[in-house]
């Protein structure tokens, strides 16, 4: 059996290294919709990759990143809608965050589809930087970075802390071996 590697996508201008290790990225004081996002990380032979590092960042429910104003950068310890986590022994992860909103691209005449950015790392595998697009969304035809192979459908979330504006989505990431030797069976 073979699994197709996940497509790379642009990192974008808002990436910041050293996000804290956490699975709850929902911003304190926010009233935006909750998003439960889950996924798996496996190799091209469809085997789970335990202890893979998953880094996530995205805009908030107002379409803003914590560092989208270059004239007022956030303090080094301030991370909003950002975090990192590791997969469990079966290559799974789950996070709770705020559903991101669309935002116009500065200086351009187009709007981004709602999305989450991901970086994934595991020893013996090529690092992956990608985006997962959240559908439905009215801007799929005009967002120049939209890739339908990286799109998932939002579903109403069944479990909530008495909120009706909660969603869930999931995606299964596939990492490529760093070399053909890394792909050889043990």
C-alpha atoms as a PDB file:
ATOM      1  CA  UNK A   1       0.000   0.000   0.000  1.00  0.00           C
ATOM      2  CA  UNK A   2       1.192   3.492  -0.799  1.00  0.00           C
ATOM      3  CA  UNK A   3       0.073   6.898   0.486  1.00  0.00           C
ATOM      4  CA  UNK A   4       0.556  10.033  -1.577  1.00  0.00           C
ATOM      5  CA  UNK A   5       2.738  12.720   0.055  1.00  0.00           C
ATOM      6  CA  UNK A   6       0.955  15.871   1.190  1.00  0.00           C
ATOM      7  CA  UNK A   7       1.507  18.847  -1.087  1.00  0.00           C
ATOM      8  CA  UNK A   8       3.763  21.680   0.029  1.00  0.00           C
ATOM      9  CA  UNK A   9       2.259  25.155   0.247  1.00  0.00           C
ATOM     10  CA  UNK A  10       3.663  28.607   0.846  1.00  0.00           C
ATOM     11  CA  UNK A  11       4.736  29.424   4.406  1.00  0.00           C
ATOM     12  CA  UNK A  12       3.434  32.982   4.158  1.00  0.00           C
ATOM     13  CA  UNK A  13       4.742  36.104   5.882  1.00  0.00           C
ATOM     14  CA  UNK A  14       3.308  35.425   9.356  1.00  0.00           C
ATOM     15  CA  UNK A  15       5.297  32.387  10.500  1.00  0.00           C
ATOM     16  CA  UNK A  16       7.160  32.786  13.818  1.00  0.00           C
ATOM     17  CA  UNK A  17       9.442  30.088  15.269  1.00  0.00           C
ATOM     18  CA  UNK A  18       9.416  28.913  18.891  1.00  0.00           C
ATOM     19  CA  UNK A  19       5.646  28.654  19.396  1.00  0.00           C
ATOM     20  CA  UNK A  20       4.810  27.103  22.762  1.00  0.00           C
ATOM     21  CA  UNK A  21       4.024  23.426  23.096  1.00  0.00           C
ATOM     22  CA  UNK A  22       0.256  23.236  23.534  1.00  0.00           C
ATOM     23  CA  UNK A  23      -2.873  21.739  22.000  1.00  0.00           C
ATOM     24  CA  UNK A  24      -5.293  24.444  23.135  1.00  0.00           C
ATOM     25  CA  UNK A  25      -4.670  27.458  20.900  1.00  0.00           C
ATOM     26  CA  UNK A  26      -8.019  29.142  21.562  1.00  0.00           C
ATOM     27  CA  UNK A  27      -7.190  32.764  22.489  1.00  0.00           C
ATOM     28  CA  UNK A  28      -8.076  33.928  25.974  1.00  0.00           C
ATOM     29  CA  UNK A  29     -10.929  36.413  25.871  1.00  0.00           C
ATOM     30  CA  UNK A  30     -12.046  35.465  22.367  1.00  0.00           C
ATOM     31  CA  UNK A  31     -15.688  34.950  21.459  1.00  0.00           C
ATOM     32  CA  UNK A  32     -15.025  33.494  17.992  1.00  0.00           C
ATOM     33  CA  UNK A  33     -16.211  30.057  16.903  1.00  0.00           C
ATOM     34  CA  UNK A  34     -14.325  27.043  18.263  1.00  0.00           C
ATOM     35  CA  UNK A  35     -12.512  24.721  15.843  1.00  0.00           C
ATOM     36  CA  UNK A  36     -11.500  21.195  16.830  1.00  0.00           C
ATOM     37  CA  UNK A  37      -8.872  20.050  14.320  1.00  0.00           C
ATOM     38  CA  UNK A  38      -7.506  16.527  14.293  1.00  0.00           C
ATOM     39  CA  UNK A  39      -5.195  14.630  12.040  1.00  0.00           C
ATOM     40  CA  UNK A  40      -2.693  11.900  11.534  1.00  0.00           C
ATOM     41  CA  UNK A  41       0.875  11.881  10.278  1.00  0.00           C
ATOM     42  CA  UNK A  42       2.037   8.848   8.323  1.00  0.00           C
ATOM     43  CA  UNK A  43       4.717   7.882   5.813  1.00  0.00           C
ATOM     44  CA  UNK A  44       4.338   7.021   2.125  1.00  0.00           C
ATOM     45  CA  UNK A  45       3.745   3.373   3.086  1.00  0.00           C
ATOM     46  CA  UNK A  46       0.784   4.534   5.185  1.00  0.00           C
ATOM     47  CA  UNK A  47       2.501   3.710   8.484  1.00  0.00           C
ATOM     48  CA  UNK A  48       1.857   6.138  11.353  1.00  0.00           C
ATOM     49  CA  UNK A  49       4.734   8.342  12.445  1.00  0.00           C
ATOM     50  CA  UNK A  50       4.780   8.595  16.243  1.00  0.00           C
ATOM     51  CA  UNK A  51       6.345  11.646  17.916  1.00  0.00           C
ATOM     52  CA  UNK A  52       6.216  13.765  14.738  1.00  0.00           C
ATOM     53  CA  UNK A  53       6.309  17.467  15.568  1.00  0.00           C
ATOM     54  CA  UNK A  54       3.313  19.448  14.321  1.00  0.00           C
ATOM     55  CA  UNK A  55       3.495  23.240  14.316  1.00  0.00           C
ATOM     56  CA  UNK A  56       0.327  25.279  13.645  1.00  0.00           C
ATOM     57  CA  UNK A  57      -0.423  28.979  13.134  1.00  0.00           C
ATOM     58  CA  UNK A  58      -3.367  30.869  11.671  1.00  0.00           C
ATOM     59  CA  UNK A  59      -5.417  34.060  11.658  1.00  0.00           C
ATOM     60  CA  UNK A  60      -8.076  34.577  14.322  1.00  0.00           C
ATOM     61  CA  UNK A  61     -11.849  34.945  13.845  1.00  0.00           C
ATOM     62  CA  UNK A  62     -11.267  38.548  12.711  1.00  0.00           C
ATOM     63  CA  UNK A  63      -8.797  37.502   9.998  1.00  0.00           C
ATOM     64  CA  UNK A  64      -5.769  38.832  11.900  1.00  0.00           C
ATOM     65  CA  UNK A  65      -2.472  37.197  12.824  1.00  0.00           C
ATOM     66  CA  UNK A  66      -0.757  38.106  16.083  1.00  0.00           C
ATOM     67  CA  UNK A  67       2.135  39.583  14.078  1.00  0.00           C
ATOM     68  CA  UNK A  68       0.437  41.112  11.034  1.00  0.00           C
ATOM     69  CA  UNK A  69       1.387  44.686  11.935  1.00  0.00           C
ATOM     70  CA  UNK A  70       5.126  45.086  11.197  1.00  0.00           C
ATOM     71  CA  UNK A  71       5.179  48.466  12.954  1.00  0.00           C
ATOM     72  CA  UNK A  72       4.018  46.859  16.226  1.00  0.00           C
ATOM     73  CA  UNK A  73       5.505  43.358  16.511  1.00  0.00           C
ATOM     74  CA  UNK A  74       4.316  41.238  19.451  1.00  0.00           C
ATOM     75  CA  UNK A  75       6.580  40.541  22.416  1.00  0.00           C
ATOM     76  CA  UNK A  76       8.680  37.366  21.969  1.00  0.00           C
ATOM     77  CA  UNK A  77       6.528  35.446  24.462  1.00  0.00           C
ATOM     78  CA  UNK A  78       3.149  36.375  22.896  1.00  0.00           C
ATOM     79  CA  UNK A  79       1.678  33.653  20.680  1.00  0.00           C
ATOM     80  CA  UNK A  80      -1.961  33.889  19.610  1.00  0.00           C
ATOM     81  CA  UNK A  81      -3.464  31.056  17.536  1.00  0.00           C
ATOM     82  CA  UNK A  82      -0.071  29.306  17.436  1.00  0.00           C
ATOM     83  CA  UNK A  83       1.336  26.183  18.981  1.00  0.00           C
ATOM     84  CA  UNK A  84       3.254  22.966  18.543  1.00  0.00           C
ATOM     85  CA  UNK A  85       2.501  19.415  19.550  1.00  0.00           C
ATOM     86  CA  UNK A  86       3.702  15.885  18.881  1.00  0.00           C
ATOM     87  CA  UNK A  87       1.768  12.956  17.517  1.00  0.00           C
ATOM     88  CA  UNK A  88       0.916  10.023  19.752  1.00  0.00           C
ATOM     89  CA  UNK A  89       2.115   6.425  19.230  1.00  0.00           C
ATOM     90  CA  UNK A  90      -0.408   6.025  16.372  1.00  0.00           C
ATOM     91  CA  UNK A  91       0.596   9.261  14.599  1.00  0.00           C
ATOM     92  CA  UNK A  92      -2.481  11.177  15.782  1.00  0.00           C
ATOM     93  CA  UNK A  93      -2.900  14.723  17.096  1.00  0.00           C
ATOM     94  CA  UNK A  94      -5.792  17.003  18.015  1.00  0.00           C
ATOM     95  CA  UNK A  95      -6.016  20.683  18.808  1.00  0.00           C
ATOM     96  CA  UNK A  96      -8.635  23.189  19.891  1.00  0.00           C
ATOM     97  CA  UNK A  97      -8.479  26.677  18.446  1.00  0.00           C
ATOM     98  CA  UNK A  98     -10.512  29.545  17.044  1.00  0.00           C
ATOM     99  CA  UNK A  99     -12.008  29.195  13.577  1.00  0.00           C
ATOM    100  CA  UNK A 100      -9.956  31.555  11.382  1.00  0.00           C
ATOM    101  CA  UNK A 101     -11.684  34.048   9.120  1.00  0.00           C
ATOM    102  CA  UNK A 102     -10.915  35.298   5.636  1.00  0.00           C
ATOM    103  CA  UNK A 103      -8.684  38.314   5.139  1.00  0.00           C
ATOM    104  CA  UNK A 104      -7.681  40.468   2.174  1.00  0.00           C
ATOM    105  CA  UNK A 105      -4.137  40.130   0.913  1.00  0.00           C
ATOM    106  CA  UNK A 106      -2.336  43.420   1.588  1.00  0.00           C
ATOM    107  CA  UNK A 107      -1.932  45.505  -1.544  1.00  0.00           C
ATOM    108  CA  UNK A 108      -3.837  42.962  -3.653  1.00  0.00           C
ATOM    109  CA  UNK A 109      -7.420  42.583  -4.793  1.00  0.00           C
ATOM    110  CA  UNK A 110      -8.058  39.075  -3.511  1.00  0.00           C
ATOM    111  CA  UNK A 111      -9.099  37.421  -0.270  1.00  0.00           C
ATOM    112  CA  UNK A 112      -7.644  34.312   1.372  1.00  0.00           C
ATOM    113  CA  UNK A 113      -9.760  31.205   1.925  1.00  0.00           C
ATOM    114  CA  UNK A 114      -9.987  30.321   5.644  1.00  0.00           C
ATOM    115  CA  UNK A 115      -6.916  28.190   6.384  1.00  0.00           C
ATOM    116  CA  UNK A 116      -4.461  26.821   8.933  1.00  0.00           C
ATOM    117  CA  UNK A 117      -0.702  26.731   8.347  1.00  0.00           C
ATOM    118  CA  UNK A 118       1.291  23.635   9.308  1.00  0.00           C
ATOM    119  CA  UNK A 119       4.934  22.636   9.557  1.00  0.00           C
ATOM    120  CA  UNK A 120       5.629  18.964  10.235  1.00  0.00           C
ATOM    121  CA  UNK A 121       8.963  17.417  11.224  1.00  0.00           C
ATOM    122  CA  UNK A 122      10.061  13.857  11.965  1.00  0.00           C
ATOM    123  CA  UNK A 123      13.529  12.273  11.946  1.00  0.00           C
ATOM    124  CA  UNK A 124      14.161  10.529   8.623  1.00  0.00           C
ATOM    125  CA  UNK A 125      11.501  12.508   6.750  1.00  0.00           C
ATOM    126  CA  UNK A 126      11.455  15.657   4.636  1.00  0.00           C
ATOM    127  CA  UNK A 127      10.036  18.610   6.590  1.00  0.00           C
ATOM    128  CA  UNK A 128       6.657  19.710   5.262  1.00  0.00           C
ATOM    129  CA  UNK A 129       5.241  23.235   5.176  1.00  0.00           C
ATOM    130  CA  UNK A 130       1.643  23.407   3.991  1.00  0.00           C
ATOM    131  CA  UNK A 131      -1.785  24.966   4.469  1.00  0.00           C
ATOM    132  CA  UNK A 132      -5.145  23.297   5.051  1.00  0.00           C
ATOM    133  CA  UNK A 133      -8.128  25.148   3.589  1.00  0.00           C
ATOM    134  CA  UNK A 134     -11.456  25.111   5.448  1.00  0.00           C
ATOM    135  CA  UNK A 135     -14.597  24.775   3.322  1.00  0.00           C
ATOM    136  CA  UNK A 136     -17.154  25.901   2.451  1.00  0.00           C
ATOM    137  CA  UNK A 137     -15.691  29.281   1.579  1.00  0.00           C
ATOM    138  CA  UNK A 138     -16.768  31.929  -0.938  1.00  0.00           C
ATOM    139  CA  UNK A 139     -13.205  32.772  -2.041  1.00  0.00           C
ATOM    140  CA  UNK A 140     -11.943  29.481  -3.524  1.00  0.00           C
ATOM    141  CA  UNK A 141     -12.172  30.813  -7.098  1.00  0.00           C
ATOM    142  CA  UNK A 142     -10.177  33.972  -6.404  1.00  0.00           C
ATOM    143  CA  UNK A 143      -7.589  32.901  -3.774  1.00  0.00           C
ATOM    144  CA  UNK A 144      -4.443  32.367  -5.837  1.00  0.00           C
ATOM    145  CA  UNK A 145      -2.952  30.095  -3.165  1.00  0.00           C
ATOM    146  CA  UNK A 146      -5.993  27.828  -2.746  1.00  0.00           C
ATOM    147  CA  UNK A 147      -5.300  24.159  -3.512  1.00  0.00           C
ATOM    148  CA  UNK A 148      -8.319  21.816  -3.508  1.00  0.00           C
ATOM    149  CA  UNK A 149      -6.017  18.864  -2.648  1.00  0.00           C
ATOM    150  CA  UNK A 150      -5.448  20.564   0.729  1.00  0.00           C
ATOM    151  CA  UNK A 151      -9.104  21.349   1.456  1.00  0.00           C
ATOM    152  CA  UNK A 152     -11.296  19.859   4.181  1.00  0.00           C
ATOM    153  CA  UNK A 153     -14.965  20.290   4.985  1.00  0.00           C
ATOM    154  CA  UNK A 154     -15.971  21.915   8.234  1.00  0.00           C
ATOM    155  CA  UNK A 155     -18.516  19.943  10.246  1.00  0.00           C
ATOM    156  CA  UNK A 156     -20.610  21.070  13.191  1.00  0.00           C
ATOM    157  CA  UNK A 157     -18.791  19.809  16.285  1.00  0.00           C
ATOM    158  CA  UNK A 158     -20.792  17.419  18.457  1.00  0.00           C
ATOM    159  CA  UNK A 159     -18.995  18.176  21.726  1.00  0.00           C
ATOM    160  CA  UNK A 160     -18.924  21.640  23.112  1.00  0.00           C
ATOM    161  CA  UNK A 161     -18.741  23.746  26.200  1.00  0.00           C
ATOM    162  CA  UNK A 162     -22.345  24.975  25.695  1.00  0.00           C
ATOM    163  CA  UNK A 163     -21.472  26.744  22.428  1.00  0.00           C
ATOM    164  CA  UNK A 164     -23.383  26.449  19.205  1.00  0.00           C
ATOM    165  CA  UNK A 165     -20.681  28.029  17.043  1.00  0.00           C
ATOM    166  CA  UNK A 166     -18.248  25.122  17.084  1.00  0.00           C
ATOM    167  CA  UNK A 167     -16.759  23.206  14.178  1.00  0.00           C
ATOM    168  CA  UNK A 168     -14.487  20.259  13.539  1.00  0.00           C
ATOM    169  CA  UNK A 169     -12.235  19.214  10.676  1.00  0.00           C
ATOM    170  CA  UNK A 170      -9.482  16.676  10.095  1.00  0.00           C
ATOM    171  CA  UNK A 171      -6.676  15.960   7.663  1.00  0.00           C
ATOM    172  CA  UNK A 172      -4.241  13.076   7.231  1.00  0.00           C
ATOM    173  CA  UNK A 173      -0.712  14.288   6.452  1.00  0.00           C
ATOM    174  CA  UNK A 174       1.812  12.095   4.638  1.00  0.00           C
ATOM    175  CA  UNK A 175       5.544  12.800   4.910  1.00  0.00           C
ATOM    176  CA  UNK A 176       8.135  11.720   2.349  1.00  0.00           C
ATOM    177  CA  UNK A 177      11.281   9.917   3.473  1.00  0.00           C
ATOM    178  CA  UNK A 178      14.399  12.088   3.541  1.00  0.00           C
ATOM    179  CA  UNK A 179      16.122   9.527   1.305  1.00  0.00           C
ATOM    180  CA  UNK A 180      15.351   6.203  -0.302  1.00  0.00           C
ATOM    181  CA  UNK A 181      17.314   4.514   2.519  1.00  0.00           C
ATOM    182  CA  UNK A 182      14.826   5.951   5.028  1.00  0.00           C
ATOM    183  CA  UNK A 183      12.047   4.177   3.125  1.00  0.00           C
ATOM    184  CA  UNK A 184      13.636   0.709   3.325  1.00  0.00           C
ATOM    185  CA  UNK A 185      11.780  -1.762   5.553  1.00  0.00           C
ATOM    186  CA  UNK A 186      13.416  -2.548   8.899  1.00  0.00           C
END
